[in-house]
Amino acid sequence: MKSFRKGLGKVGSFLCNRKKSLLLACALVVGAVPAMAAVVDSLIYDPNTRKWVPYTKEQAVRFYKQTGGSPEVYQRQVVDFRTAEKPGTIIIDGDRKLLYLVLPDKKALRYGIGVGKDGFGWAGIVKVGRKAEDPVWTPPAEMIARNPDLAKYANGMPGGPDNPLGPRALYLYEGGRDTIFRIHGTTQPWSIGLNASSGCIRLKNEDIVDLYDRVQVGSKVIVLMTGAALYKGV
């Protein structure tokens, strides 16, 4: 397990080098219409084979049962990060399941995340329209159509330990309108690092509380994911 953790820690430097090309891609397609993206599986470094291998749900559940947490790459940490975006901006690498909160002095606070499962990935430039503690969860009509058992929450599920949004939520807006996407906590902490949601960005509950306290309403949020077009800039 120790060698497994050490190997996972190598992912960080690779991601920071990769981010420059991701931001360039973002700049090239700003203004395109929104589109759902095909998901990209998470990859972790296996120090035994010296290869990048898929990080699966089975691996994630097993790791969480053994350690009570996520691999090191998905743990909250300050990293080197070069960007032209101002401090306070959130940049999400949906492919690598990482969220960056831009800090001064070419640094960022990095969090592990879960993102949309196949058919629910997306990309865009939006903003934090509002924030909520112990948020009410209201499944959209499309979700209820897929799972009729959720109809009982059509008028909202109050905040609490069973609420899928967790203890905090950042509501993402574009052009003054709610996109229906959120950055929030989770009742499935093992799912960090996976394509697991219906499009929202999920963090461990302790991480969303930390992020919530640092982010202001109006903050810019850039979501990057392979194969998706972008919302217009804000």
Protein backbone atom coordinates (compact mmCIF):
# COMPACT_ATOMS: atom_id res chain seq x y z
CA MET A 1 0.00 0.00 0.00
CA LYS A 2 2.88 2.38 0.79
CA SER A 3 4.38 1.91 -2.68
CA PHE A 4 0.93 2.35 -4.20
CA ARG A 5 0.54 5.72 -2.44
CA LYS A 6 4.04 6.78 -3.49
CA GLY A 7 3.30 5.98 -7.10
CA LEU A 8 0.05 7.91 -7.06
CA GLY A 9 1.88 10.96 -5.76
CA LYS A 10 3.79 11.20 -9.04
CA VAL A 11 0.61 12.15 -10.85
CA GLY A 12 0.70 15.71 -9.51
CA SER A 13 3.71 16.96 -11.43
CA PHE A 14 2.40 15.43 -14.67
CA LEU A 15 -0.91 17.24 -14.26
CA CYS A 16 0.66 20.65 -13.70
CA ASN A 17 2.68 20.28 -16.91
CA ARG A 18 -0.43 19.17 -18.78
CA LYS A 19 -2.53 22.11 -17.62
CA LYS A 20 -0.85 24.62 -19.93
CA SER A 21 -2.06 22.75 -23.01
CA LEU A 22 -5.53 22.36 -21.53
CA LEU A 23 -5.86 26.10 -20.99
CA LEU A 24 -4.73 26.73 -24.55
CA ALA A 25 -7.44 24.40 -25.81
CA CYS A 26 -9.95 26.26 -23.65
CA ALA A 27 -8.97 29.59 -25.19
CA LEU A 28 -9.35 28.24 -28.72
CA VAL A 29 -12.95 27.10 -28.35
CA VAL A 30 -14.52 29.79 -26.14
CA GLY A 31 -17.84 30.81 -27.63
CA ALA A 32 -18.82 27.37 -28.93
CA VAL A 33 -22.22 25.96 -28.03
CA PRO A 34 -22.57 23.68 -24.98
CA ALA A 35 -22.26 19.94 -25.55
CA MET A 36 -22.08 16.80 -23.45
CA ALA A 37 -18.71 15.06 -23.47
CA ALA A 38 -17.65 11.45 -23.55
CA VAL A 39 -15.89 10.72 -20.28
CA VAL A 40 -12.20 9.88 -19.98
CA ASP A 41 -11.23 7.21 -17.47
CA SER A 42 -8.98 8.25 -14.59
CA LEU A 43 -5.41 7.00 -14.84
CA ILE A 44 -3.05 6.31 -11.94
CA TYR A 45 0.60 5.38 -12.01
CA ASP A 46 1.43 1.78 -11.08
CA PRO A 47 5.00 1.80 -9.68
CA ASN A 48 5.27 -1.98 -10.11
CA THR A 49 4.61 -2.03 -13.87
CA ARG A 50 5.71 1.60 -14.42
CA LYS A 51 2.59 2.16 -16.47
CA TRP A 52 -0.49 4.35 -16.27
CA VAL A 53 -3.50 2.17 -15.53
CA PRO A 54 -7.24 2.89 -15.20
CA TYR A 55 -8.55 3.82 -11.75
CA THR A 56 -11.80 1.87 -11.54
CA LYS A 57 -14.78 1.89 -9.20
CA GLU A 58 -13.64 -1.44 -7.79
CA GLN A 59 -10.19 -0.06 -7.01
CA ALA A 60 -11.69 3.07 -5.46
CA VAL A 61 -14.04 1.15 -3.16
CA ARG A 62 -11.25 -1.21 -2.11
CA PHE A 63 -8.83 1.66 -1.42
CA TYR A 64 -11.43 3.52 0.63
CA LYS A 65 -12.26 0.44 2.70
CA GLN A 66 -8.56 -0.12 3.39
CA THR A 67 -7.55 3.46 4.18
CA GLY A 68 -10.72 5.45 4.84
CA GLY A 69 -9.64 7.99 2.22
CA SER A 70 -8.61 8.63 -1.36
CA PRO A 71 -5.25 8.11 -3.09
CA GLU A 72 -2.72 10.87 -2.46
CA VAL A 73 -3.27 12.55 -5.82
CA TYR A 74 -6.89 13.25 -4.83
CA GLN A 75 -6.06 14.64 -1.39
CA ARG A 76 -6.23 18.39 -0.80
CA GLN A 77 -2.82 20.02 -1.29
CA VAL A 78 -1.07 23.19 -2.48
CA VAL A 79 0.69 22.73 -5.83
CA ASP A 80 2.66 24.83 -8.31
CA PHE A 81 0.29 26.20 -10.93
CA ARG A 82 0.91 28.68 -13.74
CA THR A 83 -2.13 30.45 -15.20
CA ALA A 84 -3.21 33.88 -16.38
CA GLU A 85 -6.43 33.53 -14.36
CA LYS A 86 -6.64 35.63 -11.23
CA PRO A 87 -6.59 34.21 -7.68
CA GLY A 88 -10.00 32.95 -6.62
CA THR A 89 -10.73 31.37 -10.01
CA ILE A 90 -11.70 27.69 -10.03
CA ILE A 91 -10.23 25.57 -12.83
CA ILE A 92 -11.53 22.02 -13.15
CA ASP A 93 -9.67 19.29 -15.04
CA GLY A 94 -12.56 16.90 -15.65
CA ASP A 95 -10.38 14.30 -17.37
CA ARG A 96 -7.99 14.00 -14.41
CA LYS A 97 -10.67 14.53 -11.74
CA LEU A 98 -8.93 17.51 -10.15
CA LEU A 99 -10.16 20.97 -9.13
CA TYR A 100 -7.74 23.88 -8.75
CA LEU A 101 -8.45 27.03 -6.76
CA VAL A 102 -5.99 29.60 -8.08
CA LEU A 103 -3.82 31.20 -5.37
CA PRO A 104 -1.30 34.06 -5.60
CA ASP A 105 2.36 33.47 -6.47
CA LYS A 106 1.81 30.76 -9.11
CA LYS A 107 0.20 28.34 -6.67
CA ALA A 108 -3.15 26.58 -6.48
CA LEU A 109 -5.04 24.58 -3.89
CA ARG A 110 -5.86 21.26 -5.53
CA TYR A 111 -8.79 19.00 -4.62
CA GLY A 112 -9.80 15.56 -5.87
CA ILE A 113 -13.25 15.41 -7.45
CA GLY A 114 -15.82 13.12 -9.02
CA VAL A 115 -17.35 14.18 -12.35
CA GLY A 116 -20.13 13.19 -14.74
CA LYS A 117 -20.44 9.59 -15.79
CA ASP A 118 -20.65 8.58 -19.45
CA GLY A 119 -23.00 10.94 -21.29
CA PHE A 120 -23.04 13.51 -18.49
CA GLY A 121 -19.62 15.12 -18.84
CA TRP A 122 -19.55 18.79 -19.81
CA ALA A 123 -17.26 21.78 -20.16
CA GLY A 124 -17.82 25.48 -19.82
CA ILE A 125 -16.88 28.87 -18.43
CA VAL A 126 -19.45 29.75 -15.80
CA LYS A 127 -19.48 31.43 -12.40
CA VAL A 128 -20.58 30.82 -8.83
CA GLY A 129 -24.08 32.27 -8.81
CA ARG A 130 -24.86 31.50 -5.19
CA LYS A 131 -23.73 29.41 -2.24
CA ALA A 132 -25.72 27.34 0.26
CA GLU A 133 -25.06 25.57 3.54
CA ASP A 134 -27.00 22.33 4.10
CA PRO A 135 -28.47 22.77 0.61
CA VAL A 136 -31.84 21.44 -0.44
CA TRP A 137 -31.51 18.86 -3.20
CA THR A 138 -34.14 19.00 -5.93
CA PRO A 139 -33.62 16.38 -8.66
CA PRO A 140 -34.35 17.79 -12.14
CA ALA A 141 -37.23 16.36 -14.16
CA GLU A 142 -34.81 14.47 -16.42
CA MET A 143 -33.35 12.65 -13.42
CA ILE A 144 -36.80 11.76 -12.08
CA ALA A 145 -37.72 10.42 -15.50
CA ARG A 146 -34.69 8.11 -15.35
CA ASN A 147 -35.45 7.10 -11.76
CA PRO A 148 -39.13 7.49 -10.80
CA ASP A 149 -38.33 6.67 -7.16
CA LEU A 150 -36.93 10.20 -6.90
CA ALA A 151 -40.36 11.74 -7.53
CA LYS A 152 -40.86 12.01 -3.76
CA TYR A 153 -38.12 14.66 -3.76
CA ALA A 154 -39.60 16.70 -6.61
CA ASN A 155 -40.23 19.56 -4.16
CA GLY A 156 -36.80 19.21 -2.58
CA MET A 157 -34.93 17.02 -0.07
CA PRO A 158 -33.87 18.98 3.04
CA GLY A 159 -30.21 19.16 3.97
CA GLY A 160 -28.85 16.37 6.15
CA PRO A 161 -26.50 13.37 6.21
CA ASP A 162 -28.40 11.57 3.42
CA ASN A 163 -28.59 14.59 1.12
CA PRO A 164 -26.58 13.90 -2.09
CA LEU A 165 -25.26 17.50 -2.13
CA GLY A 166 -23.49 17.08 1.19
CA PRO A 167 -23.00 19.95 3.65
CA ARG A 168 -22.28 22.73 1.11
CA ALA A 169 -23.02 23.60 -2.51
CA LEU A 170 -21.78 26.16 -5.02
CA TYR A 171 -24.42 26.82 -7.70
CA LEU A 172 -23.02 27.41 -11.17
CA TYR A 173 -24.63 30.11 -13.32
CA GLU A 174 -24.16 31.29 -16.91
CA GLY A 175 -25.61 34.54 -18.16
CA GLY A 176 -27.47 35.03 -14.89
CA ARG A 177 -29.23 31.67 -15.19
CA ASP A 178 -28.80 28.51 -13.13
CA THR A 179 -27.08 25.84 -15.24
CA ILE A 180 -28.43 23.09 -12.87
CA PHE A 181 -24.80 22.06 -12.30
CA ARG A 182 -23.23 22.40 -8.85
CA ILE A 183 -19.98 21.88 -7.01
CA HIS A 184 -20.96 20.04 -3.84
CA GLY A 185 -20.20 17.33 -1.30
CA THR A 186 -21.13 13.67 -1.50
CA THR A 187 -22.56 10.71 0.37
CA GLN A 188 -20.13 8.50 -1.59
CA PRO A 189 -16.62 9.61 -0.57
CA TRP A 190 -15.07 6.61 -2.31
CA SER A 191 -16.24 8.03 -5.67
CA ILE A 192 -13.62 10.80 -5.76
CA GLY A 193 -11.46 10.23 -8.84
CA LEU A 194 -14.28 8.61 -10.82
CA ASN A 195 -16.88 9.41 -13.47
CA ALA A 196 -19.78 8.99 -11.07
CA SER A 197 -22.24 11.91 -11.09
CA SER A 198 -25.04 13.20 -13.31
CA GLY A 199 -22.91 16.16 -14.33
CA CYS A 200 -22.21 17.92 -11.04
CA ILE A 201 -18.72 18.21 -9.56
CA ARG A 202 -18.47 16.40 -6.24
CA LEU A 203 -15.83 16.71 -3.50
CA LYS A 204 -15.32 14.98 -0.20
CA ASN A 205 -17.46 16.71 2.42
CA GLU A 206 -14.48 18.12 4.30
CA ASP A 207 -13.11 19.48 1.02
CA ILE A 208 -16.33 21.19 -0.08
CA VAL A 209 -16.55 22.89 3.32
CA ASP A 210 -12.98 24.14 2.87
CA LEU A 211 -13.59 25.31 -0.71
CA TYR A 212 -16.92 26.93 0.23
CA ASP A 213 -15.22 29.11 2.84
CA ARG A 214 -12.60 30.28 0.31
CA VAL A 215 -14.78 31.03 -2.73
CA GLN A 216 -16.88 34.15 -3.31
CA VAL A 217 -20.16 34.47 -5.19
CA GLY A 218 -19.27 35.70 -8.68
CA SER A 219 -16.04 33.69 -8.90
CA LYS A 220 -15.15 32.41 -12.36
CA VAL A 221 -15.27 28.64 -12.90
CA ILE A 222 -13.56 27.00 -15.89
CA VAL A 223 -14.52 23.38 -16.53
CA LEU A 224 -12.31 21.48 -19.00
CA MET A 225 -13.11 18.06 -20.41
CA THR A 226 -12.01 16.27 -23.55
CA GLY A 227 -14.55 16.26 -26.35
CA ALA A 228 -16.82 18.99 -24.99
CA ALA A 229 -17.45 22.48 -26.33
CA LEU A 230 -17.60 25.43 -23.99
CA TYR A 231 -20.23 27.83 -22.77
CA LYS A 232 -19.56 31.48 -23.56
CA GLY A 233 -17.21 33.29 -21.20
CA VAL A 234 -18.53 35.30 -18.27
